[in-house]
Amino acid sequence: MDIFLTATEARHQFLKLLNEVKEGERIIITHRGKPAAAMIDFERLQLLTELARLWQDPQSLGHIRAAHEDLRAGRVHRLRGVPTVKRLVDLARKKGLIKPSG
């Protein structure tokens, strides 16, 4: 849930807000009644930065679109349990997507 505060309120409650952000809250700081800034946890910032980088890379965006089309067309493989690298490679070999190791 987003918490909206004025800049003055945020300044007075900064340390409390820092703890709330660490617990997953998003803080929206307003200035003259309009959203002006946001406080989010550092891990979320890193994720958003990496996602933005992917969306700006034409090759990555092409892979994302292709994966989305595969998903919409039903070209998916369901795995039970944790999808480890070994299990994914074994499945790809079984489906003929990669060559068997020799």
N, C-alpha and C. Protein backbone atom coordinates (compact mmCIF):
# COMPACT_ATOMS: atom_id res chain seq x y z
N MET A 1 0.84 -1.17 0.00
CA MET A 1 0.00 0.00 0.00
C MET A 1 0.89 1.24 0.00
N ASP A 2 0.52 2.23 -0.75
CA ASP A 2 1.27 3.48 -0.79
C ASP A 2 0.87 4.39 0.37
N ILE A 3 1.86 5.07 0.91
CA ILE A 3 1.61 6.05 1.97
C ILE A 3 1.93 7.42 1.39
N PHE A 4 0.99 8.33 1.45
CA PHE A 4 1.18 9.67 0.93
C PHE A 4 1.43 10.64 2.08
N LEU A 5 2.49 11.42 1.97
CA LEU A 5 2.85 12.41 2.99
C LEU A 5 3.33 13.69 2.32
N THR A 6 3.15 14.78 3.00
CA THR A 6 3.73 16.03 2.51
C THR A 6 5.23 15.99 2.78
N ALA A 7 5.96 16.87 2.14
CA ALA A 7 7.41 16.93 2.34
C ALA A 7 7.74 17.23 3.80
N THR A 8 6.96 18.09 4.43
CA THR A 8 7.19 18.44 5.83
C THR A 8 6.97 17.22 6.72
N GLU A 9 5.87 16.49 6.48
CA GLU A 9 5.60 15.28 7.27
C GLU A 9 6.71 14.25 7.07
N ALA A 10 7.15 14.09 5.85
CA ALA A 10 8.21 13.13 5.56
C ALA A 10 9.50 13.51 6.27
N ARG A 11 9.82 14.79 6.28
CA ARG A 11 11.05 15.25 6.94
C ARG A 11 11.00 14.92 8.43
N HIS A 12 9.84 15.13 9.06
CA HIS A 12 9.71 14.88 10.50
C HIS A 12 9.70 13.38 10.83
N GLN A 13 9.29 12.56 9.90
CA GLN A 13 9.16 11.12 10.16
C GLN A 13 10.19 10.28 9.40
N PHE A 14 11.26 10.88 8.95
CA PHE A 14 12.17 10.22 8.02
C PHE A 14 12.65 8.84 8.50
N LEU A 15 13.16 8.74 9.73
CA LEU A 15 13.68 7.46 10.22
C LEU A 15 12.58 6.40 10.31
N LYS A 16 11.39 6.80 10.72
CA LYS A 16 10.26 5.87 10.77
C LYS A 16 9.91 5.41 9.36
N LEU A 17 9.91 6.34 8.42
CA LEU A 17 9.59 5.99 7.04
C LEU A 17 10.64 5.06 6.44
N LEU A 18 11.89 5.28 6.79
CA LEU A 18 12.96 4.42 6.32
C LEU A 18 12.70 2.97 6.74
N ASN A 19 12.28 2.78 7.98
CA ASN A 19 11.96 1.42 8.45
C ASN A 19 10.76 0.85 7.71
N GLU A 20 9.75 1.67 7.43
CA GLU A 20 8.58 1.19 6.71
C GLU A 20 8.93 0.80 5.28
N VAL A 21 9.82 1.55 4.65
CA VAL A 21 10.27 1.23 3.30
C VAL A 21 11.01 -0.11 3.31
N LYS A 22 11.83 -0.34 4.32
CA LYS A 22 12.55 -1.61 4.44
C LYS A 22 11.58 -2.78 4.56
N GLU A 23 10.38 -2.53 5.10
CA GLU A 23 9.37 -3.57 5.28
C GLU A 23 8.47 -3.71 4.04
N GLY A 24 8.75 -2.94 2.98
CA GLY A 24 8.01 -3.10 1.74
C GLY A 24 7.02 -2.00 1.39
N GLU A 25 6.85 -1.04 2.25
CA GLU A 25 5.94 0.07 1.94
C GLU A 25 6.56 0.99 0.90
N ARG A 26 5.71 1.66 0.14
CA ARG A 26 6.17 2.71 -0.78
C ARG A 26 5.64 4.03 -0.23
N ILE A 27 6.53 4.99 -0.14
CA ILE A 27 6.18 6.30 0.40
C ILE A 27 6.15 7.29 -0.75
N ILE A 28 5.04 7.98 -0.91
CA ILE A 28 4.90 9.01 -1.92
C ILE A 28 4.92 10.35 -1.20
N ILE A 29 5.85 11.20 -1.59
CA ILE A 29 5.99 12.51 -0.95
C ILE A 29 5.39 13.55 -1.90
N THR A 30 4.48 14.32 -1.35
CA THR A 30 3.80 15.33 -2.16
C THR A 30 4.36 16.71 -1.89
N HIS A 31 4.23 17.56 -2.88
CA HIS A 31 4.62 18.96 -2.75
C HIS A 31 3.49 19.79 -3.36
N ARG A 32 2.89 20.60 -2.55
CA ARG A 32 1.73 21.40 -2.97
C ARG A 32 0.61 20.53 -3.51
N GLY A 33 0.42 19.38 -2.86
CA GLY A 33 -0.69 18.50 -3.19
C GLY A 33 -0.46 17.54 -4.34
N LYS A 34 0.71 17.58 -4.95
CA LYS A 34 0.99 16.70 -6.09
C LYS A 34 2.17 15.78 -5.76
N PRO A 35 2.13 14.52 -6.22
CA PRO A 35 3.26 13.62 -5.99
C PRO A 35 4.55 14.21 -6.57
N ALA A 36 5.60 14.25 -5.75
CA ALA A 36 6.86 14.84 -6.18
C ALA A 36 8.03 13.87 -6.11
N ALA A 37 7.95 12.91 -5.20
CA ALA A 37 9.05 11.96 -5.02
C ALA A 37 8.50 10.69 -4.38
N ALA A 38 9.33 9.65 -4.43
CA ALA A 38 8.93 8.38 -3.82
C ALA A 38 10.11 7.78 -3.09
N MET A 39 9.81 7.06 -2.03
CA MET A 39 10.82 6.29 -1.30
C MET A 39 10.48 4.82 -1.51
N ILE A 40 11.45 4.06 -2.03
CA ILE A 40 11.30 2.62 -2.18
C ILE A 40 12.56 1.96 -1.66
N ASP A 41 12.46 0.65 -1.36
CA ASP A 41 13.64 -0.03 -0.85
C ASP A 41 14.67 -0.19 -1.97
N PHE A 42 15.92 -0.32 -1.59
CA PHE A 42 17.02 -0.36 -2.55
C PHE A 42 16.92 -1.54 -3.49
N GLU A 43 16.47 -2.70 -2.99
CA GLU A 43 16.33 -3.89 -3.84
C GLU A 43 15.32 -3.64 -4.96
N ARG A 44 14.21 -2.98 -4.64
CA ARG A 44 13.21 -2.67 -5.66
C ARG A 44 13.78 -1.67 -6.67
N LEU A 45 14.56 -0.71 -6.21
CA LEU A 45 15.19 0.24 -7.12
C LEU A 45 16.11 -0.49 -8.10
N GLN A 46 16.90 -1.43 -7.60
CA GLN A 46 17.79 -2.19 -8.47
C GLN A 46 17.00 -2.99 -9.50
N LEU A 47 15.91 -3.60 -9.07
CA LEU A 47 15.06 -4.37 -9.99
C LEU A 47 14.48 -3.47 -11.07
N LEU A 48 13.95 -2.32 -10.68
CA LEU A 48 13.36 -1.39 -11.65
C LEU A 48 14.42 -0.88 -12.63
N THR A 49 15.62 -0.63 -12.14
CA THR A 49 16.71 -0.16 -12.99
C THR A 49 17.07 -1.23 -14.02
N GLU A 50 17.17 -2.47 -13.56
CA GLU A 50 17.50 -3.57 -14.48
C GLU A 50 16.39 -3.80 -15.50
N LEU A 51 15.14 -3.72 -15.06
CA LEU A 51 14.02 -3.87 -16.00
C LEU A 51 14.04 -2.76 -17.04
N ALA A 52 14.32 -1.54 -16.62
CA ALA A 52 14.39 -0.42 -17.57
C ALA A 52 15.50 -0.66 -18.58
N ARG A 53 16.62 -1.19 -18.11
CA ARG A 53 17.74 -1.49 -19.01
C ARG A 53 17.33 -2.55 -20.04
N LEU A 54 16.60 -3.57 -19.60
CA LEU A 54 16.13 -4.60 -20.53
C LEU A 54 15.19 -4.03 -21.58
N TRP A 55 14.26 -3.17 -21.14
CA TRP A 55 13.28 -2.59 -22.08
C TRP A 55 13.95 -1.67 -23.09
N GLN A 56 15.10 -1.12 -22.75
CA GLN A 56 15.79 -0.22 -23.66
C GLN A 56 16.72 -0.95 -24.64
N ASP A 57 17.00 -2.22 -24.38
CA ASP A 57 17.88 -3.01 -25.23
C ASP A 57 17.04 -3.73 -26.28
N PRO A 58 17.19 -3.39 -27.57
CA PRO A 58 16.36 -4.01 -28.62
C PRO A 58 16.44 -5.53 -28.65
N GLN A 59 17.61 -6.09 -28.43
CA GLN A 59 17.76 -7.55 -28.46
C GLN A 59 16.99 -8.19 -27.30
N SER A 60 17.15 -7.63 -26.11
CA SER A 60 16.43 -8.17 -24.94
C SER A 60 14.93 -8.02 -25.13
N LEU A 61 14.50 -6.87 -25.64
CA LEU A 61 13.08 -6.64 -25.87
C LEU A 61 12.54 -7.65 -26.88
N GLY A 62 13.31 -7.97 -27.90
CA GLY A 62 12.91 -8.99 -28.87
C GLY A 62 12.73 -10.35 -28.22
N HIS A 63 13.64 -10.71 -27.31
CA HIS A 63 13.53 -11.99 -26.60
C HIS A 63 12.29 -12.00 -25.70
N ILE A 64 12.02 -10.88 -25.05
CA ILE A 64 10.83 -10.78 -24.19
C ILE A 64 9.57 -10.95 -25.02
N ARG A 65 9.52 -10.28 -26.17
CA ARG A 65 8.34 -10.39 -27.04
C ARG A 65 8.17 -11.82 -27.56
N ALA A 66 9.27 -12.46 -27.94
CA ALA A 66 9.21 -13.84 -28.44
C ALA A 66 8.71 -14.77 -27.33
N ALA A 67 9.20 -14.57 -26.12
CA ALA A 67 8.75 -15.41 -25.00
C ALA A 67 7.26 -15.19 -24.73
N HIS A 68 6.82 -13.96 -24.85
CA HIS A 68 5.41 -13.65 -24.65
C HIS A 68 4.55 -14.33 -25.71
N GLU A 69 5.00 -14.31 -26.95
CA GLU A 69 4.27 -14.98 -28.03
C GLU A 69 4.23 -16.50 -27.81
N ASP A 70 5.36 -17.07 -27.36
CA ASP A 70 5.38 -18.50 -27.05
C ASP A 70 4.36 -18.82 -25.95
N LEU A 71 4.30 -17.99 -24.96
CA LEU A 71 3.36 -18.18 -23.86
C LEU A 71 1.93 -18.11 -24.35
N ARG A 72 1.62 -17.09 -25.17
CA ARG A 72 0.26 -16.93 -25.71
C ARG A 72 -0.12 -18.09 -26.63
N ALA A 73 0.85 -18.65 -27.34
CA ALA A 73 0.59 -19.74 -28.27
C ALA A 73 0.58 -21.11 -27.58
N GLY A 74 0.85 -21.12 -26.30
CA GLY A 74 0.83 -22.38 -25.56
C GLY A 74 2.11 -23.18 -25.67
N ARG A 75 3.16 -22.57 -26.18
CA ARG A 75 4.45 -23.27 -26.31
C ARG A 75 5.23 -23.10 -25.01
N VAL A 76 4.75 -23.80 -23.99
CA VAL A 76 5.38 -23.71 -22.67
C VAL A 76 5.62 -25.12 -22.15
N HIS A 77 6.50 -25.23 -21.20
CA HIS A 77 6.79 -26.51 -20.55
C HIS A 77 6.60 -26.30 -19.05
N ARG A 78 5.78 -27.12 -18.49
CA ARG A 78 5.51 -27.01 -17.05
C ARG A 78 6.42 -27.97 -16.29
N LEU A 79 7.01 -27.47 -15.26
CA LEU A 79 7.87 -28.28 -14.40
C LEU A 79 7.28 -28.30 -13.00
N ARG A 80 7.44 -29.40 -12.34
CA ARG A 80 7.04 -29.48 -10.93
C ARG A 80 8.27 -29.22 -10.09
N GLY A 81 8.10 -28.49 -9.04
CA GLY A 81 9.22 -28.21 -8.16
C GLY A 81 10.07 -27.06 -8.67
N VAL A 82 11.26 -26.98 -8.13
CA VAL A 82 12.18 -25.88 -8.44
C VAL A 82 12.84 -26.12 -9.80
N PRO A 83 12.76 -25.15 -10.72
CA PRO A 83 13.38 -25.33 -12.04
C PRO A 83 14.88 -25.06 -12.00
N THR A 84 15.65 -26.08 -11.66
CA THR A 84 17.10 -25.92 -11.62
C THR A 84 17.66 -25.87 -13.04
N VAL A 85 18.87 -25.41 -13.17
CA VAL A 85 19.52 -25.34 -14.48
C VAL A 85 19.62 -26.73 -15.08
N LYS A 86 19.99 -27.72 -14.27
CA LYS A 86 20.12 -29.09 -14.77
C LYS A 86 18.79 -29.60 -15.32
N ARG A 87 17.71 -29.36 -14.61
CA ARG A 87 16.39 -29.82 -15.07
C ARG A 87 15.99 -29.11 -16.36
N LEU A 88 16.29 -27.83 -16.47
CA LEU A 88 15.95 -27.09 -17.69
C LEU A 88 16.77 -27.57 -18.88
N VAL A 89 18.06 -27.84 -18.66
CA VAL A 89 18.91 -28.35 -19.74
C VAL A 89 18.45 -29.73 -20.16
N ASP A 90 18.12 -30.59 -19.19
CA ASP A 90 17.63 -31.93 -19.52
C ASP A 90 16.34 -31.85 -20.34
N LEU A 91 15.44 -30.97 -19.97
CA LEU A 91 14.19 -30.81 -20.71
C LEU A 91 14.46 -30.30 -22.12
N ALA A 92 15.37 -29.33 -22.25
CA ALA A 92 15.71 -28.79 -23.58
C ALA A 92 16.32 -29.88 -24.45
N ARG A 93 17.15 -30.74 -23.89
CA ARG A 93 17.73 -31.85 -24.66
C ARG A 93 16.64 -32.83 -25.09
N LYS A 94 15.73 -33.14 -24.17
CA LYS A 94 14.65 -34.08 -24.47
C LYS A 94 13.75 -33.53 -25.59
N LYS A 95 13.53 -32.23 -25.61
CA LYS A 95 12.67 -31.60 -26.62
C LYS A 95 13.44 -31.31 -27.92
N GLY A 96 14.74 -31.59 -27.93
CA GLY A 96 15.53 -31.36 -29.13
C GLY A 96 15.91 -29.90 -29.36
N LEU A 97 15.83 -29.11 -28.31
CA LEU A 97 16.16 -27.69 -28.43
C LEU A 97 17.67 -27.45 -28.37
N ILE A 98 18.38 -28.34 -27.71
CA ILE A 98 19.84 -28.27 -27.67
C ILE A 98 20.39 -29.68 -27.92
N LYS A 99 21.62 -29.75 -28.38
CA LYS A 99 22.24 -31.03 -28.69
C LYS A 99 22.60 -31.77 -27.41
N PRO A 100 22.49 -33.11 -27.44
CA PRO A 100 22.91 -33.89 -26.27
C PRO A 100 24.41 -33.71 -26.04
N SER A 101 24.80 -33.76 -24.78
CA SER A 101 26.23 -33.64 -24.49
C SER A 101 26.92 -34.94 -24.87
N GLY A 102 28.12 -34.82 -25.36
CA GLY A 102 28.80 -36.01 -25.87
C GLY A 102 30.04 -36.23 -25.20
